[in-house]
Amino acid sequence: MCAQREASAADRRLNDAISDELLGRLEKSGEIARVRHTVQVTSFGGAGTTALLRHLAEAGVDVPATPGSFPFKHQRRPPRGDEVPPGFRVVYLFADPRNAVASVFRRGFQGGHFRSMRLCRPQPHVEDCLTSLERYLECAVDEFRLADHFECWHERPVREYPVLFARYERLPAAWPVLREFVGLPPGADALDIRPRASEWQLLPPPLPERLDATYGPLARRLAELPATELR
């Protein structure tokens, strides 16, 4: 257990350093945020975004070529129509936010995830809350602003390009729609969905109760959505 904690701390420091370097590049020049791609995959995290991006890139889809798809993978504000090329479209992946947050902390990504979601470095009091999942839930504040992230995309007032909302847990059923949406041929292989390594309900108490207190309302809203929704 001690070795696991040390490995997680080392992973977190590396992830934070990488995120800080990318933030530095964004602060010096907005060029890294220029939209050159025609297909974007975005999510609030913990929803298989990296796996889908890798799968689409290997299939030849024109997805972002920036490191880690930064800052597009967790982009909060949809780009304007005059900021994107012709044919631009977005796949917005989502999953149960309780599982998503548990996954982020399990992998030691919380510091980097905060930076990607908020495009800033955490203040000291937030850094303290990001120490562990236990501490984060004790703070009882959605520092990632997951509900706001989803609302910014789902309820955007001006729809200048199509956005396909797809639930990660139902991607096998959604694949034909997603495949056509991104321009892949009918025979293109679907993304393999692996069993989740983080199930919020299996965490030791009182973590499930606290996760549900913070993210249950969003989880229940998302559960009402279909496997895919084009908006």
C-alpha atoms as a PDB file:
ATOM      1  CA  MET A   1       0.000   0.000   0.000  1.00  0.00           C
ATOM      2  CA  CYS A   2       2.839   2.396   0.854  1.00  0.00           C
ATOM      3  CA  ALA A   3       4.539   1.665  -2.479  1.00  0.00           C
ATOM      4  CA  GLN A   4       1.229   2.311  -4.261  1.00  0.00           C
ATOM      5  CA  ARG A   5       0.843   5.684  -2.530  1.00  0.00           C
ATOM      6  CA  GLU A   6       4.402   6.651  -3.473  1.00  0.00           C
ATOM      7  CA  ALA A   7       3.815   5.625  -7.097  1.00  0.00           C
ATOM      8  CA  SER A   8       0.568   7.599  -7.171  1.00  0.00           C
ATOM      9  CA  ALA A   9       2.295  10.673  -5.741  1.00  0.00           C
ATOM     10  CA  ALA A  10       5.057  10.385  -8.346  1.00  0.00           C
ATOM     11  CA  ASP A  11       2.506   9.996 -11.125  1.00  0.00           C
ATOM     12  CA  ARG A  12       0.635  13.023  -9.872  1.00  0.00           C
ATOM     13  CA  ARG A  13       3.771  15.186  -9.793  1.00  0.00           C
ATOM     14  CA  LEU A  14       4.582  14.158 -13.361  1.00  0.00           C
ATOM     15  CA  ASN A  15       1.034  14.834 -14.569  1.00  0.00           C
ATOM     16  CA  ASP A  16       1.020  18.229 -12.858  1.00  0.00           C
ATOM     17  CA  ALA A  17       4.366  19.154 -14.411  1.00  0.00           C
ATOM     18  CA  ILE A  18       3.192  18.200 -17.898  1.00  0.00           C
ATOM     19  CA  SER A  19      -0.007  20.196 -17.441  1.00  0.00           C
ATOM     20  CA  ASP A  20       1.926  23.206 -16.155  1.00  0.00           C
ATOM     21  CA  GLU A  21       4.170  23.080 -19.225  1.00  0.00           C
ATOM     22  CA  LEU A  22       1.151  23.053 -21.539  1.00  0.00           C
ATOM     23  CA  LEU A  23      -0.473  25.893 -19.613  1.00  0.00           C
ATOM     24  CA  GLY A  24       2.755  27.853 -19.994  1.00  0.00           C
ATOM     25  CA  ARG A  25       2.648  27.349 -23.747  1.00  0.00           C
ATOM     26  CA  LEU A  26      -0.969  28.504 -23.830  1.00  0.00           C
ATOM     27  CA  GLU A  27      -0.153  31.593 -21.771  1.00  0.00           C
ATOM     28  CA  LYS A  28       2.751  32.567 -24.041  1.00  0.00           C
ATOM     29  CA  SER A  29       0.832  32.032 -27.241  1.00  0.00           C
ATOM     30  CA  GLY A  30      -2.693  31.003 -28.112  1.00  0.00           C
ATOM     31  CA  GLU A  31      -1.413  29.126 -31.147  1.00  0.00           C
ATOM     32  CA  ILE A  32      -1.742  25.748 -29.395  1.00  0.00           C
ATOM     33  CA  ALA A  33      -5.486  26.437 -29.042  1.00  0.00           C
ATOM     34  CA  ARG A  34      -5.999  27.169 -32.724  1.00  0.00           C
ATOM     35  CA  VAL A  35      -8.498  24.718 -34.229  1.00  0.00           C
ATOM     36  CA  ARG A  36      -6.916  22.980 -37.211  1.00  0.00           C
ATOM     37  CA  HIS A  37      -8.812  19.692 -36.892  1.00  0.00           C
ATOM     38  CA  THR A  38     -12.290  18.870 -38.181  1.00  0.00           C
ATOM     39  CA  VAL A  39     -13.246  16.293 -35.525  1.00  0.00           C
ATOM     40  CA  GLN A  40     -12.948  17.038 -31.824  1.00  0.00           C
ATOM     41  CA  VAL A  41     -13.579  14.708 -28.878  1.00  0.00           C
ATOM     42  CA  THR A  42     -14.388  16.527 -25.657  1.00  0.00           C
ATOM     43  CA  SER A  43     -15.567  15.457 -22.200  1.00  0.00           C
ATOM     44  CA  PHE A  44     -15.495  16.390 -18.539  1.00  0.00           C
ATOM     45  CA  GLY A  45     -13.073  13.518 -17.997  1.00  0.00           C
ATOM     46  CA  GLY A  46     -13.156   9.907 -16.886  1.00  0.00           C
ATOM     47  CA  ALA A  47     -15.279   8.961 -19.904  1.00  0.00           C
ATOM     48  CA  GLY A  48     -12.880   7.108 -22.199  1.00  0.00           C
ATOM     49  CA  THR A  49     -11.946  10.246 -24.125  1.00  0.00           C
ATOM     50  CA  THR A  50      -8.269   9.337 -24.490  1.00  0.00           C
ATOM     51  CA  ALA A  51      -9.105   5.840 -25.716  1.00  0.00           C
ATOM     52  CA  LEU A  52     -11.580   7.151 -28.299  1.00  0.00           C
ATOM     53  CA  LEU A  53      -9.158   9.823 -29.510  1.00  0.00           C
ATOM     54  CA  ARG A  54      -6.443   7.219 -29.968  1.00  0.00           C
ATOM     55  CA  HIS A  55      -8.851   4.881 -31.772  1.00  0.00           C
ATOM     56  CA  LEU A  56     -10.053   7.594 -34.160  1.00  0.00           C
ATOM     57  CA  ALA A  57      -6.523   8.840 -34.840  1.00  0.00           C
ATOM     58  CA  GLU A  58      -5.398   5.323 -35.748  1.00  0.00           C
ATOM     59  CA  ALA A  59      -8.382   5.087 -38.114  1.00  0.00           C
ATOM     60  CA  GLY A  60      -7.266   8.270 -39.888  1.00  0.00           C
ATOM     61  CA  VAL A  61      -9.824  10.705 -38.464  1.00  0.00           C
ATOM     62  CA  ASP A  62      -8.679  14.344 -38.358  1.00  0.00           C
ATOM     63  CA  VAL A  63      -8.519  14.820 -34.572  1.00  0.00           C
ATOM     64  CA  PRO A  64      -6.274  17.315 -32.703  1.00  0.00           C
ATOM     65  CA  ALA A  65      -2.549  16.674 -33.007  1.00  0.00           C
ATOM     66  CA  THR A  66      -1.566  18.673 -29.908  1.00  0.00           C
ATOM     67  CA  PRO A  67      -0.010  16.837 -26.909  1.00  0.00           C
ATOM     68  CA  GLY A  68      -2.772  15.000 -25.113  1.00  0.00           C
ATOM     69  CA  SER A  69      -5.268  16.822 -27.344  1.00  0.00           C
ATOM     70  CA  PHE A  70      -4.728  19.885 -25.106  1.00  0.00           C
ATOM     71  CA  PRO A  71      -6.686  22.132 -24.677  1.00  0.00           C
ATOM     72  CA  PHE A  72      -9.479  20.548 -26.684  1.00  0.00           C
ATOM     73  CA  LYS A  73     -10.057  17.288 -24.785  1.00  0.00           C
ATOM     74  CA  HIS A  74     -11.594  19.084 -21.809  1.00  0.00           C
ATOM     75  CA  GLN A  75     -12.411  22.408 -23.481  1.00  0.00           C
ATOM     76  CA  ARG A  76     -15.121  24.129 -21.458  1.00  0.00           C
ATOM     77  CA  ARG A  77     -16.333  26.797 -23.867  1.00  0.00           C
ATOM     78  CA  PRO A  78     -17.367  25.634 -27.343  1.00  0.00           C
ATOM     79  CA  PRO A  79     -15.380  27.477 -30.023  1.00  0.00           C
ATOM     80  CA  ARG A  80     -17.222  29.984 -32.182  1.00  0.00           C
ATOM     81  CA  GLY A  81     -18.152  29.111 -35.712  1.00  0.00           C
ATOM     82  CA  ASP A  82     -15.587  31.553 -37.103  1.00  0.00           C
ATOM     83  CA  GLU A  83     -12.835  29.807 -35.119  1.00  0.00           C
ATOM     84  CA  VAL A  84     -13.260  26.376 -36.740  1.00  0.00           C
ATOM     85  CA  PRO A  85     -12.716  24.989 -40.247  1.00  0.00           C
ATOM     86  CA  PRO A  86     -15.516  23.874 -42.591  1.00  0.00           C
ATOM     87  CA  GLY A  87     -16.969  20.506 -41.631  1.00  0.00           C
ATOM     88  CA  PHE A  88     -16.037  20.891 -37.958  1.00  0.00           C
ATOM     89  CA  ARG A  89     -17.921  18.644 -35.520  1.00  0.00           C
ATOM     90  CA  VAL A  90     -17.573  17.482 -31.946  1.00  0.00           C
ATOM     91  CA  VAL A  91     -18.155  14.216 -30.107  1.00  0.00           C
ATOM     92  CA  TYR A  92     -18.955  14.990 -26.472  1.00  0.00           C
ATOM     93  CA  LEU A  93     -18.445  11.869 -24.378  1.00  0.00           C
ATOM     94  CA  PHE A  94     -19.950  11.641 -20.931  1.00  0.00           C
ATOM     95  CA  ALA A  95     -20.171   9.049 -18.191  1.00  0.00           C
ATOM     96  CA  ASP A  96     -21.402   8.785 -14.628  1.00  0.00           C
ATOM     97  CA  PRO A  97     -19.559  11.708 -12.989  1.00  0.00           C
ATOM     98  CA  ARG A  98     -19.164   9.735  -9.754  1.00  0.00           C
ATOM     99  CA  ASN A  99     -17.142   7.114 -11.622  1.00  0.00           C
ATOM    100  CA  ALA A 100     -15.345   9.836 -13.579  1.00  0.00           C
ATOM    101  CA  VAL A 101     -14.072  11.611 -10.462  1.00  0.00           C
ATOM    102  CA  ALA A 102     -13.116   8.331  -8.792  1.00  0.00           C
ATOM    103  CA  SER A 103     -11.134   7.419 -11.934  1.00  0.00           C
ATOM    104  CA  VAL A 104      -9.321  10.762 -12.055  1.00  0.00           C
ATOM    105  CA  PHE A 105      -8.104  10.377  -8.471  1.00  0.00           C
ATOM    106  CA  ARG A 106      -7.280   6.678  -8.821  1.00  0.00           C
ATOM    107  CA  ARG A 107      -4.836   7.514 -11.605  1.00  0.00           C
ATOM    108  CA  GLY A 108      -3.320  10.514  -9.820  1.00  0.00           C
ATOM    109  CA  PHE A 109      -4.614  12.873 -12.525  1.00  0.00           C
ATOM    110  CA  GLN A 110      -6.491  15.277 -10.269  1.00  0.00           C
ATOM    111  CA  GLY A 111      -3.992  18.144 -10.428  1.00  0.00           C
ATOM    112  CA  GLY A 112      -3.554  17.893 -14.165  1.00  0.00           C
ATOM    113  CA  HIS A 113      -7.278  17.451 -14.626  1.00  0.00           C
ATOM    114  CA  PHE A 114      -7.990  20.633 -12.700  1.00  0.00           C
ATOM    115  CA  ARG A 115      -5.539  22.505 -14.915  1.00  0.00           C
ATOM    116  CA  SER A 116      -7.065  21.095 -18.107  1.00  0.00           C
ATOM    117  CA  MET A 117     -10.617  21.791 -16.990  1.00  0.00           C
ATOM    118  CA  ARG A 118     -10.006  25.282 -15.592  1.00  0.00           C
ATOM    119  CA  LEU A 119      -6.942  26.365 -17.643  1.00  0.00           C
ATOM    120  CA  CYS A 120      -5.250  27.690 -14.522  1.00  0.00           C
ATOM    121  CA  ARG A 121      -3.166  26.405 -11.642  1.00  0.00           C
ATOM    122  CA  PRO A 122      -4.999  25.643  -8.408  1.00  0.00           C
ATOM    123  CA  GLN A 123      -4.819  28.045  -5.510  1.00  0.00           C
ATOM    124  CA  PRO A 124      -3.274  26.653  -2.288  1.00  0.00           C
ATOM    125  CA  HIS A 125      -6.630  25.854  -0.677  1.00  0.00           C
ATOM    126  CA  VAL A 126      -7.727  23.982  -3.816  1.00  0.00           C
ATOM    127  CA  GLU A 127      -4.381  22.189  -4.007  1.00  0.00           C
ATOM    128  CA  ASP A 128      -5.036  20.953  -0.482  1.00  0.00           C
ATOM    129  CA  CYS A 129      -8.435  19.614  -1.515  1.00  0.00           C
ATOM    130  CA  LEU A 130      -6.856  17.791  -4.459  1.00  0.00           C
ATOM    131  CA  THR A 131      -4.496  15.817  -2.221  1.00  0.00           C
ATOM    132  CA  SER A 132      -6.688  12.706  -2.321  1.00  0.00           C
ATOM    133  CA  LEU A 133     -10.232  11.638  -3.124  1.00  0.00           C
ATOM    134  CA  GLU A 134     -10.974  11.468   0.592  1.00  0.00           C
ATOM    135  CA  ARG A 135      -9.787  15.036   1.140  1.00  0.00           C
ATOM    136  CA  TYR A 136     -11.552  16.267  -2.001  1.00  0.00           C
ATOM    137  CA  LEU A 137     -14.879  14.917  -0.802  1.00  0.00           C
ATOM    138  CA  GLU A 138     -14.312  16.368   2.638  1.00  0.00           C
ATOM    139  CA  CYS A 139     -14.026  19.787   0.968  1.00  0.00           C
ATOM    140  CA  ALA A 140     -17.389  19.044  -0.711  1.00  0.00           C
ATOM    141  CA  VAL A 141     -16.846  21.454  -3.625  1.00  0.00           C
ATOM    142  CA  ASP A 142     -16.944  20.455  -7.297  1.00  0.00           C
ATOM    143  CA  GLU A 143     -13.634  22.100  -8.162  1.00  0.00           C
ATOM    144  CA  PHE A 144     -13.762  20.538 -11.646  1.00  0.00           C
ATOM    145  CA  ARG A 145     -17.158  22.188 -12.321  1.00  0.00           C
ATOM    146  CA  LEU A 146     -18.454  19.142 -14.164  1.00  0.00           C
ATOM    147  CA  ALA A 147     -22.088  20.244 -14.357  1.00  0.00           C
ATOM    148  CA  ASP A 148     -21.056  23.621 -15.760  1.00  0.00           C
ATOM    149  CA  HIS A 149     -18.837  21.883 -18.322  1.00  0.00           C
ATOM    150  CA  PHE A 150     -21.707  19.740 -19.558  1.00  0.00           C
ATOM    151  CA  GLU A 151     -24.143  22.669 -19.605  1.00  0.00           C
ATOM    152  CA  CYS A 152     -21.770  24.817 -21.660  1.00  0.00           C
ATOM    153  CA  TRP A 153     -21.895  22.255 -24.450  1.00  0.00           C
ATOM    154  CA  HIS A 154     -25.375  20.774 -24.138  1.00  0.00           C
ATOM    155  CA  GLU A 155     -27.210  24.078 -23.711  1.00  0.00           C
ATOM    156  CA  ARG A 156     -25.029  26.287 -25.924  1.00  0.00           C
ATOM    157  CA  PRO A 157     -27.262  29.070 -27.273  1.00  0.00           C
ATOM    158  CA  VAL A 158     -25.738  29.215 -30.768  1.00  0.00           C
ATOM    159  CA  ARG A 159     -25.294  25.928 -32.622  1.00  0.00           C
ATOM    160  CA  GLU A 160     -22.987  26.670 -35.530  1.00  0.00           C
ATOM    161  CA  TYR A 161     -21.751  23.078 -35.957  1.00  0.00           C
ATOM    162  CA  PRO A 162     -23.044  19.668 -34.857  1.00  0.00           C
ATOM    163  CA  VAL A 163     -22.206  18.102 -31.510  1.00  0.00           C
ATOM    164  CA  LEU A 164     -22.915  14.425 -30.899  1.00  0.00           C
ATOM    165  CA  PHE A 165     -23.411  13.558 -27.230  1.00  0.00           C
ATOM    166  CA  ALA A 166     -22.588   9.922 -26.501  1.00  0.00           C
ATOM    167  CA  ARG A 167     -22.589   7.977 -23.251  1.00  0.00           C
ATOM    168  CA  TYR A 168     -19.375   6.014 -22.696  1.00  0.00           C
ATOM    169  CA  GLU A 169     -21.105   3.045 -21.072  1.00  0.00           C
ATOM    170  CA  ARG A 170     -23.337   2.667 -24.132  1.00  0.00           C
ATOM    171  CA  LEU A 171     -20.744   3.187 -26.854  1.00  0.00           C
ATOM    172  CA  PRO A 172     -21.198  -0.292 -28.382  1.00  0.00           C
ATOM    173  CA  ALA A 173     -24.831   0.548 -29.165  1.00  0.00           C
ATOM    174  CA  ALA A 174     -23.912   4.105 -30.152  1.00  0.00           C
ATOM    175  CA  TRP A 175     -20.992   3.125 -32.399  1.00  0.00           C
ATOM    176  CA  PRO A 176     -22.861   3.065 -35.763  1.00  0.00           C
ATOM    177  CA  VAL A 177     -24.080   6.624 -35.180  1.00  0.00           C
ATOM    178  CA  LEU A 178     -20.698   7.844 -33.919  1.00  0.00           C
ATOM    179  CA  ARG A 179     -18.843   6.102 -36.754  1.00  0.00           C
ATOM    180  CA  GLU A 180     -20.956   7.811 -39.402  1.00  0.00           C
ATOM    181  CA  PHE A 181     -20.741  11.146 -37.588  1.00  0.00           C
ATOM    182  CA  VAL A 182     -16.913  11.224 -37.666  1.00  0.00           C
ATOM    183  CA  GLY A 183     -16.783   9.999 -41.280  1.00  0.00           C
ATOM    184  CA  LEU A 184     -15.577   6.431 -40.864  1.00  0.00           C
ATOM    185  CA  PRO A 185     -16.718   3.722 -43.325  1.00  0.00           C
ATOM    186  CA  PRO A 186     -19.351   1.150 -42.285  1.00  0.00           C
ATOM    187  CA  GLY A 187     -16.737  -1.560 -41.706  1.00  0.00           C
ATOM    188  CA  ALA A 188     -14.613   0.465 -39.292  1.00  0.00           C
ATOM    189  CA  ASP A 189     -13.929  -1.378 -36.042  1.00  0.00           C
ATOM    190  CA  ALA A 190     -15.687  -0.158 -32.926  1.00  0.00           C
ATOM    191  CA  LEU A 191     -13.795   0.969 -29.870  1.00  0.00           C
ATOM    192  CA  ASP A 192     -13.484  -1.861 -27.352  1.00  0.00           C
ATOM    193  CA  ILE A 193     -15.106  -0.909 -24.054  1.00  0.00           C
ATOM    194  CA  ARG A 194     -13.169  -2.278 -21.091  1.00  0.00           C
ATOM    195  CA  PRO A 195     -14.675  -2.839 -17.635  1.00  0.00           C
ATOM    196  CA  ARG A 196     -14.221   0.201 -15.430  1.00  0.00           C
ATOM    197  CA  ALA A 197     -11.420   0.038 -12.886  1.00  0.00           C
ATOM    198  CA  SER A 198     -13.223   2.619 -10.731  1.00  0.00           C
ATOM    199  CA  GLU A 199     -16.761   1.899  -9.550  1.00  0.00           C
ATOM    200  CA  TRP A 200     -17.908   4.571  -7.149  1.00  0.00           C
ATOM    201  CA  GLN A 201     -20.331   2.296  -5.323  1.00  0.00           C
ATOM    202  CA  LEU A 202     -17.525  -0.125  -4.422  1.00  0.00           C
ATOM    203  CA  LEU A 203     -15.386   2.495  -2.693  1.00  0.00           C
ATOM    204  CA  PRO A 204     -15.094   2.237   1.095  1.00  0.00           C
ATOM    205  CA  PRO A 205     -17.562   4.269   3.157  1.00  0.00           C
ATOM    206  CA  PRO A 206     -18.205   7.136   3.448  1.00  0.00           C
ATOM    207  CA  LEU A 207     -16.840   7.890  -0.047  1.00  0.00           C
ATOM    208  CA  PRO A 208     -19.866   6.662  -2.066  1.00  0.00           C
ATOM    209  CA  GLU A 209     -22.251   8.763   0.005  1.00  0.00           C
ATOM    210  CA  ARG A 210     -20.067  11.841  -0.343  1.00  0.00           C
ATOM    211  CA  LEU A 211     -19.567  11.312  -4.089  1.00  0.00           C
ATOM    212  CA  ASP A 212     -23.301  11.042  -4.541  1.00  0.00           C
ATOM    213  CA  ALA A 213     -23.903  14.168  -2.487  1.00  0.00           C
ATOM    214  CA  THR A 214     -21.671  16.206  -4.818  1.00  0.00           C
ATOM    215  CA  TYR A 215     -22.259  14.525  -8.181  1.00  0.00           C
ATOM    216  CA  GLY A 216     -25.507  12.583  -7.803  1.00  0.00           C
ATOM    217  CA  PRO A 217     -27.743  15.328  -9.241  1.00  0.00           C
ATOM    218  CA  LEU A 218     -25.647  15.516 -12.420  1.00  0.00           C
ATOM    219  CA  ALA A 219     -25.418  11.718 -12.636  1.00  0.00           C
ATOM    220  CA  ARG A 220     -29.191  11.368 -12.470  1.00  0.00           C
ATOM    221  CA  ARG A 221     -29.696  14.018 -15.126  1.00  0.00           C
ATOM    222  CA  LEU A 222     -27.230  12.343 -17.478  1.00  0.00           C
ATOM    223  CA  ALA A 223     -28.859   8.944 -16.875  1.00  0.00           C
ATOM    224  CA  GLU A 224     -32.015  10.278 -18.519  1.00  0.00           C
ATOM    225  CA  LEU A 225     -30.255  11.038 -21.807  1.00  0.00           C
ATOM    226  CA  PRO A 226     -30.239   8.589 -24.745  1.00  0.00           C
ATOM    227  CA  ALA A 227     -27.130   6.695 -25.860  1.00  0.00           C
ATOM    228  CA  THR A 228     -26.567   9.376 -28.501  1.00  0.00           C
ATOM    229  CA  GLU A 229     -28.052  12.814 -29.003  1.00  0.00           C
ATOM    230  CA  LEU A 230     -27.218  15.153 -31.884  1.00  0.00           C
ATOM    231  CA  ARG A 231     -27.477  18.844 -31.027  1.00  0.00           C
END
